[in-house]
Protein backbone atom coordinates (compact mmCIF):
# COMPACT_ATOMS: atom_id res chain seq x y z
CA UNK A 1 9.99 -6.46 19.55
CA UNK A 2 6.60 -6.82 21.26
CA UNK A 3 5.00 -7.23 17.82
CA UNK A 4 7.50 -9.88 16.75
CA UNK A 5 7.07 -11.78 20.00
CA UNK A 6 3.25 -11.67 19.88
CA UNK A 7 3.17 -12.85 16.25
CA UNK A 8 5.72 -15.58 16.91
CA UNK A 9 3.90 -17.16 19.85
CA UNK A 10 0.41 -16.31 18.61
CA UNK A 11 -0.81 -14.02 21.36
CA UNK A 12 -2.85 -10.86 20.89
CA UNK A 13 -0.79 -7.82 19.99
CA UNK A 14 -2.05 -4.92 22.13
CA UNK A 15 -1.41 -2.21 19.54
CA UNK A 16 -1.77 -2.16 15.73
CA UNK A 17 0.72 0.37 14.42
CA UNK A 18 -0.93 0.83 11.02
CA UNK A 19 -4.58 1.26 10.07
CA UNK A 20 -5.56 1.00 6.42
CA UNK A 21 -8.82 2.81 5.61
CA UNK A 22 -10.37 2.51 2.16
CA UNK A 23 -12.35 5.73 1.99
CA UNK A 24 -14.40 4.87 -1.09
CA UNK A 25 -15.09 2.07 -3.52
CA UNK A 26 -15.22 4.60 -6.35
CA UNK A 27 -12.37 5.15 -8.78
CA UNK A 28 -11.92 7.35 -11.83
CA UNK A 29 -9.86 4.67 -13.60
CA UNK A 30 -10.39 1.04 -14.63
CA UNK A 31 -6.90 -0.41 -14.53
CA UNK A 32 -6.42 -3.63 -16.49
CA UNK A 33 -5.39 -5.86 -13.60
CA UNK A 34 -7.22 -4.16 -10.71
CA UNK A 35 -10.04 -6.09 -9.06
CA UNK A 36 -11.09 -3.42 -6.58
CA UNK A 37 -14.37 -2.68 -8.36
CA UNK A 38 -15.19 -6.38 -8.75
CA UNK A 39 -14.33 -7.03 -5.11
CA UNK A 40 -16.40 -4.14 -3.82
CA UNK A 41 -19.32 -5.09 -6.08
CA UNK A 42 -19.49 -8.33 -4.11
CA UNK A 43 -20.11 -6.41 -0.90
CA UNK A 44 -23.41 -5.42 0.66
CA UNK A 45 -25.11 -2.36 -0.76
CA UNK A 46 -24.62 -0.17 2.30
CA UNK A 47 -23.79 3.54 2.46
CA UNK A 48 -20.08 4.29 2.45
CA UNK A 49 -18.41 5.72 5.53
CA UNK A 50 -19.64 9.19 6.40
CA UNK A 51 -17.33 12.01 7.36
CA UNK A 52 -18.31 11.84 11.02
CA UNK A 53 -17.81 8.06 11.07
CA UNK A 54 -14.28 8.43 9.70
CA UNK A 55 -13.37 11.08 12.27
CA UNK A 56 -14.66 8.80 15.04
CA UNK A 57 -12.57 5.92 13.63
CA UNK A 58 -9.49 8.14 13.73
CA UNK A 59 -10.18 9.03 17.36
CA UNK A 60 -10.56 5.36 18.25
CA UNK A 61 -7.38 4.52 16.32
CA UNK A 62 -5.44 7.09 18.32
CA UNK A 63 -6.83 5.69 21.55
CA UNK A 64 -5.89 2.15 20.51
CA UNK A 65 -2.31 3.22 19.78
CA UNK A 66 -2.25 3.39 15.98
CA UNK A 67 0.59 5.56 14.68
CA UNK A 68 0.03 5.61 10.92
CA UNK A 69 -3.21 5.76 8.94
CA UNK A 70 -2.99 4.88 5.26
CA UNK A 71 -5.91 6.10 3.15
CA UNK A 72 -6.83 4.28 -0.03
CA UNK A 73 -9.80 3.17 -2.08
CA UNK A 74 -10.79 3.17 -4.91
CA UNK A 75 -9.37 6.62 -5.41
CA UNK A 76 -9.46 8.56 -2.12
CA UNK A 77 -9.19 11.93 -3.85
CA UNK A 78 -12.72 11.44 -5.11
CA UNK A 79 -13.85 12.33 -1.59
CA UNK A 80 -14.27 16.07 -1.20
CA UNK A 81 -13.75 15.79 2.56
CA UNK A 82 -10.34 14.12 2.22
CA UNK A 83 -8.42 17.26 3.19
CA UNK A 84 -10.45 17.71 6.37
CA UNK A 85 -9.95 14.02 7.18
CA UNK A 86 -6.19 14.45 6.81
CA UNK A 87 -6.30 17.58 8.97
CA UNK A 88 -8.22 15.72 11.66
CA UNK A 89 -5.67 12.90 11.65
CA UNK A 90 -2.86 15.43 11.95
CA UNK A 91 -4.53 17.15 14.90
CA UNK A 92 -4.80 13.77 16.62
CA UNK A 93 -1.07 13.20 16.17
CA UNK A 94 -1.48 10.43 13.58
CA UNK A 95 0.93 10.08 10.67
CA UNK A 96 -0.85 10.00 7.31
CA UNK A 97 -0.24 8.19 4.05
CA UNK A 98 -2.23 8.46 0.82
CA UNK A 99 -2.45 5.87 -1.99
CA UNK A 100 -3.47 7.50 -5.25
CA UNK A 101 -3.30 6.99 -9.00
CA UNK A 102 -2.20 10.62 -9.17
CA UNK A 103 -4.49 11.69 -11.99
CA UNK A 104 -6.51 14.07 -9.78
CA UNK A 105 -3.51 15.83 -8.26
CA UNK A 106 -3.10 19.42 -9.49
CA UNK A 107 -1.20 22.41 -8.13
CA UNK A 108 -4.26 23.35 -6.07
CA UNK A 109 -4.73 19.83 -4.73
CA UNK A 110 -1.03 19.61 -3.83
CA UNK A 111 -1.26 22.87 -1.88
CA UNK A 112 -4.31 21.59 0.00
CA UNK A 113 -2.55 18.31 0.79
CA UNK A 114 0.37 20.31 2.11
CA UNK A 115 -1.92 22.42 4.28
CA UNK A 116 -3.51 19.22 5.58
CA UNK A 117 -0.08 18.00 6.69
CA UNK A 118 0.03 14.87 4.52
CA UNK A 119 2.99 12.80 5.63
CA UNK A 120 3.46 10.58 2.56
CA UNK A 121 1.85 10.06 -0.83
CA UNK A 122 2.21 6.96 -3.01
CA UNK A 123 1.58 7.64 -6.69
CA UNK A 124 1.08 4.74 -9.11
CA UNK A 125 3.56 4.79 -12.00
CA UNK A 126 4.34 1.60 -13.90
CA UNK A 127 6.89 2.72 -16.47
CA UNK A 128 8.94 5.67 -17.67
CA UNK A 129 7.30 5.00 -21.03
CA UNK A 130 3.80 6.39 -21.51
CA UNK A 131 2.53 3.54 -23.67
CA UNK A 132 3.50 0.89 -21.13
CA UNK A 133 2.11 2.75 -18.14
CA UNK A 134 -1.14 3.34 -20.03
CA UNK A 135 -1.39 -0.33 -20.98
CA UNK A 136 -2.13 -0.85 -17.28
CA UNK A 137 -3.92 2.35 -16.38
CA UNK A 138 -5.67 3.55 -19.52
CA UNK A 139 -5.14 6.21 -22.14
CA UNK A 140 -4.25 9.68 -20.91
CA UNK A 141 -3.11 8.57 -17.45
CA UNK A 142 0.66 8.93 -17.86
CA UNK A 143 1.13 12.69 -17.94
CA UNK A 144 -1.21 13.34 -14.98
CA UNK A 145 0.71 10.78 -12.89
CA UNK A 146 4.04 12.37 -13.83
CA UNK A 147 2.69 15.83 -13.04
CA UNK A 148 1.34 14.59 -9.70
CA UNK A 149 4.86 13.79 -8.52
CA UNK A 150 6.14 17.14 -9.78
CA UNK A 151 3.31 19.11 -8.17
CA UNK A 152 3.72 17.32 -4.84
CA UNK A 153 7.45 17.94 -4.88
CA UNK A 154 6.96 21.65 -5.53
CA UNK A 155 3.83 22.45 -3.54
CA UNK A 156 3.98 19.87 -0.73
CA UNK A 157 7.72 19.87 0.03
CA UNK A 158 7.33 18.24 3.46
CA UNK A 159 5.45 15.23 2.04
CA UNK A 160 7.40 12.05 1.43
CA UNK A 161 6.72 10.93 -2.15
CA UNK A 162 6.62 7.26 -3.10
CA UNK A 163 6.21 5.79 -6.54
CA UNK A 164 4.35 2.47 -6.56
CA UNK A 165 5.15 0.35 -9.59
CA UNK A 166 3.04 -2.71 -10.36
CA UNK A 167 5.19 -5.22 -12.21
CA UNK A 168 3.93 -7.42 -15.02
CA UNK A 169 5.31 -9.04 -18.11
CA UNK A 170 4.91 -5.89 -20.18
CA UNK A 171 7.08 -3.59 -18.03
CA UNK A 172 9.68 -6.02 -16.67
CA UNK A 173 12.34 -4.47 -18.93
CA UNK A 174 11.62 -0.95 -17.68
CA UNK A 175 12.33 -1.23 -13.97
CA UNK A 176 15.96 -0.09 -13.82
CA UNK A 177 15.26 2.93 -15.98
CA UNK A 178 12.17 3.70 -13.92
CA UNK A 179 14.37 3.97 -10.81
CA UNK A 180 16.48 6.62 -12.51
CA UNK A 181 13.36 8.33 -13.84
CA UNK A 182 11.82 8.42 -10.35
CA UNK A 183 14.90 10.21 -9.02
CA UNK A 184 14.72 12.80 -11.77
CA UNK A 185 11.06 13.42 -10.96
CA UNK A 186 11.97 14.12 -7.34
CA UNK A 187 10.45 11.01 -5.74
CA UNK A 188 11.92 9.93 -2.41
CA UNK A 189 11.24 6.20 -2.72
CA UNK A 190 10.08 3.71 -5.32
CA UNK A 191 8.46 0.39 -4.43
CA UNK A 192 7.72 -2.56 -6.70
CA UNK A 193 4.89 -5.05 -6.32
CA UNK A 194 3.78 -7.81 -8.71
CA UNK A 195 0.48 -8.05 -10.52
CA UNK A 196 -1.41 -10.45 -8.31
CA UNK A 197 -4.58 -12.51 -8.30
CA UNK A 198 -5.60 -12.52 -4.63
CA UNK A 199 -6.69 -9.98 -2.00
CA UNK A 200 -8.94 -7.40 -3.68
CA UNK A 201 -8.04 -8.81 -7.10
CA UNK A 202 -9.46 -12.28 -6.57
CA UNK A 203 -12.81 -11.55 -8.24
CA UNK A 204 -11.15 -10.09 -11.33
CA UNK A 205 -11.48 -12.33 -14.41
CA UNK A 206 -7.95 -13.50 -15.19
CA UNK A 207 -8.67 -13.56 -18.89
CA UNK A 208 -8.83 -9.77 -18.83
CA UNK A 209 -5.16 -9.45 -17.81
CA UNK A 210 -3.55 -12.85 -18.37
CA UNK A 211 -1.19 -11.38 -20.98
CA UNK A 212 0.56 -9.22 -18.37
CA UNK A 213 0.76 -11.79 -15.55
CA UNK A 214 4.26 -13.04 -14.87
CA UNK A 215 4.34 -16.83 -15.19
CA UNK A 216 6.93 -19.64 -14.77
CA UNK A 217 8.22 -19.06 -18.30
CA UNK A 218 9.27 -15.57 -17.19
CA UNK A 219 11.23 -16.80 -14.16
CA UNK A 220 14.72 -16.68 -15.69
CA UNK A 221 14.27 -13.14 -16.94
CA UNK A 222 12.60 -12.06 -13.71
CA UNK A 223 15.48 -13.42 -11.61
CA UNK A 224 17.91 -11.42 -13.73
CA UNK A 225 15.88 -8.20 -13.41
CA UNK A 226 15.22 -8.46 -9.68
CA UNK A 227 18.82 -9.43 -8.88
CA UNK A 228 19.93 -6.30 -10.70
CA UNK A 229 17.43 -4.24 -8.71
CA UNK A 230 18.64 -5.85 -5.50
CA UNK A 231 22.23 -4.95 -6.37
CA UNK A 232 21.14 -1.45 -7.37
CA UNK A 233 19.37 -0.98 -4.05
CA UNK A 234 22.69 -1.39 -2.23
CA UNK A 235 23.99 1.71 -4.01
CA UNK A 236 20.71 3.57 -4.37
CA UNK A 237 18.52 3.96 -1.32
CA UNK A 238 15.56 5.26 -3.35
CA UNK A 239 14.48 1.61 -3.78
CA UNK A 240 12.16 0.96 -0.85
CA UNK A 241 11.78 -2.82 -1.13
CA UNK A 242 13.71 -5.28 0.97
CA UNK A 243 16.08 -7.65 -0.83
CA UNK A 244 13.90 -10.61 0.08
CA UNK A 245 10.78 -9.01 -1.36
CA UNK A 246 12.53 -8.17 -4.64
CA UNK A 247 13.93 -11.67 -5.09
CA UNK A 248 10.66 -13.21 -3.90
CA UNK A 249 8.87 -11.68 -6.90
CA UNK A 250 10.96 -14.00 -9.09
CA UNK A 251 11.09 -17.00 -6.75
CA UNK A 252 7.31 -17.19 -6.51
CA UNK A 253 7.10 -17.88 -10.25
CA UNK A 254 8.65 -21.31 -9.65
CA UNK A 255 7.45 -22.24 -6.15
CA UNK A 256 5.20 -20.90 -3.38
CA UNK A 257 6.78 -18.11 -1.33
CA UNK A 258 5.30 -17.09 2.02
CA UNK A 259 5.95 -14.73 4.89
CA UNK A 260 5.18 -14.77 8.61
CA UNK A 261 2.22 -12.53 7.89
CA UNK A 262 1.52 -9.74 10.38
CA UNK A 263 -2.03 -8.98 9.24
CA UNK A 264 -4.02 -8.56 12.42
CA UNK A 265 -0.85 -7.87 14.39
CA UNK A 266 0.95 -4.94 12.77
CA UNK A 267 -2.09 -3.68 10.87
CA UNK A 268 -5.74 -4.12 10.09
CA UNK A 269 -8.03 -2.57 7.53
CA UNK A 270 -11.36 -0.80 7.34
CA UNK A 271 -13.37 -1.12 4.15
CA UNK A 272 -15.62 1.65 2.75
CA UNK A 273 -18.59 0.21 4.67
CA UNK A 274 -16.93 0.23 8.11
CA UNK A 275 -16.07 -3.47 8.29
CA UNK A 276 -12.75 -4.28 9.98
CA UNK A 277 -10.54 -7.24 9.05
CA UNK A 278 -6.90 -8.33 9.27
CA UNK A 279 -6.77 -8.31 5.45
CA UNK A 280 -9.09 -8.71 2.48
CA UNK A 281 -8.49 -12.48 2.34
CA UNK A 282 -9.29 -12.94 6.05
CA UNK A 283 -12.48 -11.05 6.80
CA UNK A 284 -14.20 -10.68 10.14
CA UNK A 285 -17.64 -9.37 9.21
CA UNK A 286 -17.39 -7.05 12.23
CA UNK A 287 -18.53 -3.48 11.67
CA UNK A 288 -17.50 -0.22 13.30
CA UNK A 289 -21.15 0.73 13.06
CA UNK A 290 -21.82 -1.93 15.71
CA UNK A 291 -18.58 -2.14 17.71
CA UNK A 292 -15.66 0.13 18.55
CA UNK A 293 -12.28 -0.41 16.92
CA UNK A 294 -10.82 -1.21 20.33
CA UNK A 295 -13.45 -3.87 21.04
CA UNK A 296 -12.99 -5.43 17.60
CA UNK A 297 -9.21 -5.53 17.94
CA UNK A 298 -9.43 -7.35 21.28
CA UNK A 299 -12.41 -9.53 20.36
CA UNK A 300 -12.44 -13.32 20.30
CA UNK A 301 -13.30 -13.09 16.60
CA UNK A 302 -10.11 -11.20 15.82
CA UNK A 303 -8.08 -13.56 18.01
CA UNK A 304 -9.46 -16.45 15.96
CA UNK A 305 -8.62 -14.67 12.72
CA UNK A 306 -5.05 -14.13 13.91
CA UNK A 307 -4.74 -17.90 14.25
CA UNK A 308 -5.97 -18.19 10.67
CA UNK A 309 -3.36 -15.64 9.56
CA UNK A 310 -0.59 -17.62 11.28
CA UNK A 311 -1.50 -20.71 9.25
CA UNK A 312 -2.30 -18.86 6.02
CA UNK A 313 -0.73 -20.33 2.89
CA UNK A 314 -2.27 -18.00 0.33
CA UNK A 315 0.12 -16.81 -2.41
CA UNK A 316 0.29 -13.24 -1.16
CA UNK A 317 3.20 -11.04 -2.25
CA UNK A 318 1.76 -7.57 -1.96
CA UNK A 319 3.95 -4.63 -0.99
CA UNK A 320 1.38 -3.41 1.52
CA UNK A 321 1.11 -6.69 3.44
CA UNK A 322 3.89 -9.14 2.55
CA UNK A 323 6.61 -6.50 2.70
CA UNK A 324 5.82 -5.34 6.27
CA UNK A 325 5.66 -9.00 7.28
CA UNK A 326 9.25 -9.47 6.19
CA UNK A 327 10.27 -7.30 9.12
CA UNK A 328 10.04 -10.51 11.12
CA UNK A 329 12.91 -12.00 9.16
CA UNK A 330 16.11 -11.14 11.08
CA UNK A 331 18.19 -11.48 7.93
CA UNK A 332 16.59 -8.43 6.33
CA UNK A 333 15.98 -6.21 9.34
CA UNK A 334 19.28 -4.46 8.65
CA UNK A 335 18.12 -3.58 5.15
CA UNK A 336 14.79 -2.30 6.43
CA UNK A 337 16.55 -0.19 9.05
CA UNK A 338 18.64 1.32 6.28
CA UNK A 339 15.45 2.31 4.44
CA UNK A 340 13.87 3.69 7.62
CA UNK A 341 16.98 5.77 8.32
CA UNK A 342 16.91 7.03 4.74
CA UNK A 343 13.27 8.04 5.21
CA UNK A 344 14.04 9.85 8.45
CA UNK A 345 16.87 11.73 6.76
CA UNK A 346 14.59 12.80 3.90
CA UNK A 347 11.90 14.02 6.28
CA UNK A 348 14.33 15.89 8.51
CA UNK A 349 15.73 17.75 5.52
CA UNK A 350 12.30 18.82 4.23
CA UNK A 351 11.21 22.41 4.93
CA UNK A 352 8.31 22.92 7.29
């Protein structure tokens, strides 16, 4: 409630609950739509975060009141110190979440993630059909992603497993079957997010993926698909999206759709070079190599950026930012509470 109140009236929220840390700009894949490499290539040529810097960030996050740290990239599993980073977060009492394409997850890696106490892992999987998944991710990426979910389920039984599906024109017909497929694999939740052109993707040349972008001509079909998913989510709690987010993926094809964004309130992010911002579209330029996380969070600069967030009209519909922001909508809080309760049930039934 404190978060909702602070966002609503525009005052500084004393505690970010989520910290996103991109551990590296490197990735072993070159996904068709992904602009991460282009975005990071526009940054200064500084050294990436060192191990000791990351541990210090985690300590500051704990002191600030952060509860969940979500590690991404690039591909975070490219960092050999990832397991020690996860262990350090666990020792500090922080919940951990990992975003990965899954292709580097083996039995051994799954065991090490389990030993590190990983709370949740999100594996990218865009279709139950190999050729459609690989149209996004590249040849030879389907089986490793499938195996990643299987290995995590077997060797990291206490870890909550998400499947992240990026939705474009080419896989719109696959989504219902992918839900069933995700259950058979042993995933706990599946979340959908559209191919987008902002945030870290804004420097990506649209011509390179224009054929898979959903457009106004796809609206009728998209409404049909997402309404069916919305109805399916009532009966099947594996779907982790809110109703409004699902339907918004179709609505935004015909008109702008916005949220009461909580970037800079609920969460902030740290890029691979230690710069902290509310989100990748609203950057601060402030570095953890010059200031503490606590000082940045309470700074006049961040207060100013929160005002920018409150007036932001960018076409953002990303599952990592727009979806949490929908928590402010009282009409869907009940649905989110249902998902949270489902998550708690899953975790409580997992073996230690």
